[in-house]
Amino acid sequence: MKTTVFIEGMHCKNCMAKVEKSLSNLEGVASAKVNLAKGFAVLKTKAAIDQTVIKSAVDQLGYVVTDVK
């Protein structure tokens, strides 16, 4: 499955790396890739992941999830 997470507040490559690492460590996530310029991350998963888990992981880093598709 592919999930797109729209994130506000990322400004640099360090932000991007922190978000990628956090999302990659979520249970069930095979990979996470952040597009810094467009403000979103794409997660590849084996099954659907609860959006609240994704939002919580991003919130803990100080960024805001605006949408999950």
N, C-alpha and C. Protein backbone atom coordinates (compact mmCIF):
# COMPACT_ATOMS: atom_id res chain seq x y z
N MET A 1 0.84 -1.19 0.00
CA MET A 1 0.00 0.00 0.00
C MET A 1 0.88 1.24 0.00
N LYS A 2 0.33 2.30 -0.50
CA LYS A 2 1.03 3.58 -0.53
C LYS A 2 0.16 4.61 0.19
N THR A 3 0.76 5.33 1.13
CA THR A 3 0.06 6.36 1.88
C THR A 3 0.85 7.66 1.74
N THR A 4 0.16 8.74 1.41
CA THR A 4 0.81 10.05 1.31
C THR A 4 0.41 10.88 2.52
N VAL A 5 1.42 11.41 3.20
CA VAL A 5 1.21 12.20 4.41
C VAL A 5 1.69 13.62 4.14
N PHE A 6 0.77 14.59 4.20
CA PHE A 6 1.13 15.98 3.97
C PHE A 6 1.52 16.61 5.29
N ILE A 7 2.70 17.25 5.31
CA ILE A 7 3.31 17.71 6.56
C ILE A 7 3.74 19.17 6.42
N GLU A 8 3.39 19.98 7.43
CA GLU A 8 3.84 21.38 7.47
C GLU A 8 4.93 21.53 8.52
N GLY A 9 5.85 22.45 8.27
CA GLY A 9 6.86 22.80 9.26
C GLY A 9 8.26 22.30 8.96
N MET A 10 8.42 21.48 7.92
CA MET A 10 9.75 21.00 7.56
C MET A 10 10.45 22.07 6.71
N HIS A 11 11.67 22.43 7.13
CA HIS A 11 12.36 23.51 6.44
C HIS A 11 13.72 23.14 5.86
N CYS A 12 14.27 22.01 6.28
CA CYS A 12 15.64 21.69 5.86
C CYS A 12 15.82 20.17 5.74
N LYS A 13 17.01 19.78 5.32
CA LYS A 13 17.30 18.35 5.16
C LYS A 13 17.31 17.62 6.50
N ASN A 14 17.65 18.31 7.57
CA ASN A 14 17.61 17.68 8.89
C ASN A 14 16.17 17.35 9.27
N CYS A 15 15.25 18.27 8.98
CA CYS A 15 13.83 18.02 9.22
C CYS A 15 13.39 16.79 8.44
N MET A 16 13.75 16.77 7.18
CA MET A 16 13.39 15.67 6.30
C MET A 16 13.91 14.34 6.85
N ALA A 17 15.15 14.32 7.29
CA ALA A 17 15.77 13.09 7.80
C ALA A 17 15.07 12.62 9.08
N LYS A 18 14.72 13.54 9.97
CA LYS A 18 14.04 13.16 11.21
C LYS A 18 12.68 12.54 10.92
N VAL A 19 11.93 13.14 10.00
CA VAL A 19 10.61 12.63 9.66
C VAL A 19 10.72 11.26 8.99
N GLU A 20 11.64 11.13 8.04
CA GLU A 20 11.83 9.84 7.37
C GLU A 20 12.18 8.74 8.37
N LYS A 21 13.07 9.03 9.29
CA LYS A 21 13.49 8.04 10.27
C LYS A 21 12.32 7.65 11.18
N SER A 22 11.59 8.63 11.66
CA SER A 22 10.47 8.36 12.55
C SER A 22 9.40 7.53 11.87
N LEU A 23 9.03 7.91 10.64
CA LEU A 23 7.99 7.18 9.93
C LEU A 23 8.47 5.79 9.51
N SER A 24 9.72 5.65 9.16
CA SER A 24 10.27 4.36 8.77
C SER A 24 10.26 3.37 9.93
N ASN A 25 10.34 3.89 11.15
CA ASN A 25 10.38 3.03 12.34
C ASN A 25 9.00 2.58 12.81
N LEU A 26 7.94 3.09 12.20
CA LEU A 26 6.59 2.66 12.58
C LEU A 26 6.37 1.21 12.16
N GLU A 27 5.67 0.48 13.00
CA GLU A 27 5.39 -0.93 12.69
C GLU A 27 4.58 -1.04 11.41
N GLY A 28 5.05 -1.88 10.50
CA GLY A 28 4.35 -2.10 9.24
C GLY A 28 4.81 -1.25 8.08
N VAL A 29 5.69 -0.28 8.35
CA VAL A 29 6.18 0.60 7.28
C VAL A 29 7.44 -0.02 6.67
N ALA A 30 7.38 -0.27 5.37
CA ALA A 30 8.53 -0.83 4.66
C ALA A 30 9.52 0.27 4.29
N SER A 31 8.99 1.45 3.91
CA SER A 31 9.85 2.58 3.58
C SER A 31 9.07 3.89 3.71
N ALA A 32 9.83 4.97 3.95
CA ALA A 32 9.25 6.31 4.02
C ALA A 32 10.18 7.26 3.29
N LYS A 33 9.64 8.03 2.39
CA LYS A 33 10.44 8.98 1.61
C LYS A 33 9.76 10.34 1.67
N VAL A 34 10.50 11.36 2.11
CA VAL A 34 9.97 12.71 2.24
C VAL A 34 10.37 13.55 1.03
N ASN A 35 9.40 14.29 0.49
CA ASN A 35 9.66 15.29 -0.53
C ASN A 35 9.61 16.63 0.18
N LEU A 36 10.77 17.17 0.52
CA LEU A 36 10.86 18.40 1.30
C LEU A 36 10.24 19.58 0.57
N ALA A 37 10.52 19.72 -0.71
CA ALA A 37 10.04 20.86 -1.49
C ALA A 37 8.51 20.91 -1.56
N LYS A 38 7.88 19.75 -1.63
CA LYS A 38 6.42 19.71 -1.76
C LYS A 38 5.71 19.45 -0.44
N GLY A 39 6.46 19.15 0.61
CA GLY A 39 5.88 19.01 1.93
C GLY A 39 5.05 17.76 2.17
N PHE A 40 5.54 16.64 1.67
CA PHE A 40 4.81 15.40 1.94
C PHE A 40 5.77 14.23 2.06
N ALA A 41 5.26 13.15 2.65
CA ALA A 41 6.00 11.89 2.77
C ALA A 41 5.16 10.80 2.15
N VAL A 42 5.83 9.84 1.50
CA VAL A 42 5.15 8.68 0.93
C VAL A 42 5.61 7.46 1.71
N LEU A 43 4.63 6.76 2.30
CA LEU A 43 4.92 5.55 3.04
C LEU A 43 4.53 4.34 2.21
N LYS A 44 5.38 3.35 2.19
CA LYS A 44 5.04 2.08 1.56
C LYS A 44 4.86 1.08 2.69
N THR A 45 3.67 0.47 2.74
CA THR A 45 3.33 -0.43 3.82
C THR A 45 2.73 -1.72 3.28
N LYS A 46 2.74 -2.74 4.13
CA LYS A 46 2.14 -4.02 3.76
C LYS A 46 0.63 -3.99 3.99
N ALA A 47 0.19 -3.20 4.95
CA ALA A 47 -1.24 -3.08 5.28
C ALA A 47 -1.50 -1.63 5.70
N ALA A 48 -2.77 -1.29 5.80
CA ALA A 48 -3.14 0.07 6.21
C ALA A 48 -2.64 0.35 7.63
N ILE A 49 -2.21 1.57 7.86
CA ILE A 49 -1.74 2.00 9.18
C ILE A 49 -2.70 3.07 9.69
N ASP A 50 -3.03 2.99 10.95
CA ASP A 50 -3.93 3.96 11.58
C ASP A 50 -3.35 5.37 11.43
N GLN A 51 -4.17 6.28 10.94
CA GLN A 51 -3.71 7.66 10.72
C GLN A 51 -3.29 8.34 12.02
N THR A 52 -3.90 7.97 13.14
CA THR A 52 -3.53 8.60 14.41
C THR A 52 -2.11 8.22 14.81
N VAL A 53 -1.66 7.02 14.42
CA VAL A 53 -0.28 6.59 14.72
C VAL A 53 0.69 7.44 13.89
N ILE A 54 0.36 7.66 12.63
CA ILE A 54 1.21 8.48 11.76
C ILE A 54 1.26 9.91 12.28
N LYS A 55 0.10 10.47 12.59
CA LYS A 55 0.03 11.86 13.07
C LYS A 55 0.80 12.02 14.38
N SER A 56 0.68 11.06 15.26
CA SER A 56 1.37 11.12 16.55
C SER A 56 2.89 11.13 16.36
N ALA A 57 3.39 10.28 15.46
CA ALA A 57 4.83 10.21 15.20
C ALA A 57 5.36 11.55 14.68
N VAL A 58 4.60 12.18 13.79
CA VAL A 58 5.01 13.47 13.21
C VAL A 58 4.86 14.59 14.25
N ASP A 59 3.76 14.57 15.01
CA ASP A 59 3.53 15.59 16.04
C ASP A 59 4.65 15.61 17.07
N GLN A 60 5.14 14.43 17.45
CA GLN A 60 6.20 14.34 18.45
C GLN A 60 7.48 15.02 18.00
N LEU A 61 7.64 15.16 16.69
CA LEU A 61 8.82 15.83 16.14
C LEU A 61 8.63 17.34 16.02
N GLY A 62 7.40 17.81 16.25
CA GLY A 62 7.12 19.24 16.17
C GLY A 62 6.58 19.72 14.84
N TYR A 63 6.16 18.78 14.00
CA TYR A 63 5.58 19.13 12.70
C TYR A 63 4.08 18.83 12.71
N VAL A 64 3.37 19.30 11.71
CA VAL A 64 1.92 19.15 11.67
C VAL A 64 1.49 18.39 10.43
N VAL A 65 0.71 17.33 10.65
CA VAL A 65 0.12 16.59 9.53
C VAL A 65 -1.17 17.30 9.14
N THR A 66 -1.25 17.70 7.87
CA THR A 66 -2.43 18.41 7.39
C THR A 66 -3.41 17.48 6.67
N ASP A 67 -2.91 16.35 6.16
CA ASP A 67 -3.78 15.41 5.46
C ASP A 67 -3.05 14.08 5.29
N VAL A 68 -3.84 13.01 5.22
CA VAL A 68 -3.29 11.67 4.95
C VAL A 68 -4.17 11.04 3.88
N LYS A 69 -3.56 10.60 2.80
CA LYS A 69 -4.32 9.99 1.69
C LYS A 69 -3.71 8.66 1.32
